[in-house]
Amino acid sequence: MELKRALEKTKGSYYAFVVAVLTYVNNKRTRYEIVMDYLRQTPEASTEDILEFISRQDDFVEDAAFETAEKIV
């Protein structure tokens, strides 16, 4: 749970932020490594910085609700 601890210590951390990032990384193992590398390289990153970083990942839309909704319709 190294990632969880790091997220909890992030400037501006809040419960929904931690849950959202953990959910994102749990869907693909490679995401864990990418996020951990970012946190190690950018220890001063805020919650906004981390969420922006994640939202810029190529596979971010794979988990987006609107993407799932389009597949259902």
Protein backbone atom coordinates (compact mmCIF):
# COMPACT_ATOMS: atom_id res chain seq x y z
CA MET A 1 0.00 0.00 0.00
CA GLU A 2 2.89 2.34 -0.76
CA LEU A 3 0.70 4.19 -3.23
CA LYS A 4 -2.15 4.67 -0.75
CA ARG A 5 0.23 6.13 1.83
CA ALA A 6 1.79 8.44 -0.73
CA LEU A 7 -1.64 9.66 -1.86
CA GLU A 8 -2.75 10.28 1.72
CA LYS A 9 0.34 12.42 2.28
CA THR A 10 -0.22 14.45 -0.88
CA LYS A 11 -0.86 18.15 -0.46
CA GLY A 12 -4.64 18.67 -0.43
CA SER A 13 -5.40 14.96 -0.14
CA TYR A 14 -8.99 13.88 0.49
CA TYR A 15 -10.77 10.54 0.65
CA ALA A 16 -12.42 10.63 -2.80
CA PHE A 17 -9.08 11.54 -4.40
CA VAL A 18 -7.34 8.54 -2.84
CA VAL A 19 -10.19 6.20 -3.83
CA ALA A 20 -10.28 7.54 -7.40
CA VAL A 21 -6.55 7.08 -7.96
CA LEU A 22 -6.54 3.61 -6.39
CA THR A 23 -9.50 2.61 -8.57
CA TYR A 24 -7.71 3.90 -11.65
CA VAL A 25 -4.51 1.96 -10.95
CA ASN A 26 -6.33 -1.22 -9.90
CA ASN A 27 -7.83 -1.58 -13.36
CA LYS A 28 -4.37 -2.07 -14.94
CA ARG A 29 -1.09 -2.99 -13.25
CA THR A 30 0.95 -0.79 -15.59
CA ARG A 31 -0.96 2.24 -14.29
CA TYR A 32 0.38 1.60 -10.79
CA GLU A 33 3.96 1.82 -12.03
CA ILE A 34 3.28 4.98 -14.05
CA VAL A 35 1.61 6.77 -11.13
CA MET A 36 4.26 5.65 -8.63
CA ASP A 37 7.03 6.83 -10.95
CA TYR A 38 5.30 10.20 -11.27
CA LEU A 39 4.97 10.52 -7.49
CA ARG A 40 8.62 9.58 -6.95
CA GLN A 41 9.78 12.10 -9.56
CA THR A 42 7.38 14.82 -8.40
CA PRO A 43 7.14 14.56 -4.60
CA GLU A 44 5.74 18.09 -4.33
CA ALA A 45 2.77 17.27 -6.61
CA SER A 46 -0.65 18.29 -5.34
CA THR A 47 -3.88 16.37 -5.82
CA GLU A 48 -4.64 18.59 -8.81
CA ASP A 49 -1.26 17.81 -10.37
CA ILE A 50 -1.76 14.08 -9.94
CA LEU A 51 -5.30 14.10 -11.32
CA GLU A 52 -4.16 16.15 -14.30
CA PHE A 53 -1.30 13.71 -14.91
CA ILE A 54 -3.68 10.74 -14.81
CA SER A 55 -6.25 12.43 -17.04
CA ARG A 56 -3.57 12.90 -19.71
CA GLN A 57 -2.76 9.18 -19.90
CA ASP A 58 -3.72 7.53 -23.20
CA ASP A 59 -5.86 4.89 -21.50
CA PHE A 60 -7.71 7.29 -19.17
CA VAL A 61 -10.87 7.29 -21.28
CA GLU A 62 -11.13 3.50 -21.03
CA ASP A 63 -12.63 3.93 -17.56
CA ALA A 64 -14.69 7.04 -18.24
CA ALA A 65 -18.40 6.70 -17.55
CA PHE A 66 -19.38 8.29 -20.86
CA GLU A 67 -17.28 5.76 -22.72
CA THR A 68 -19.02 2.89 -20.96
CA ALA A 69 -22.43 4.45 -21.55
CA GLU A 70 -21.76 4.68 -25.29
CA LYS A 71 -20.98 0.98 -25.43
CA ILE A 72 -24.25 0.13 -23.70
CA VAL A 73 -26.42 2.22 -26.04
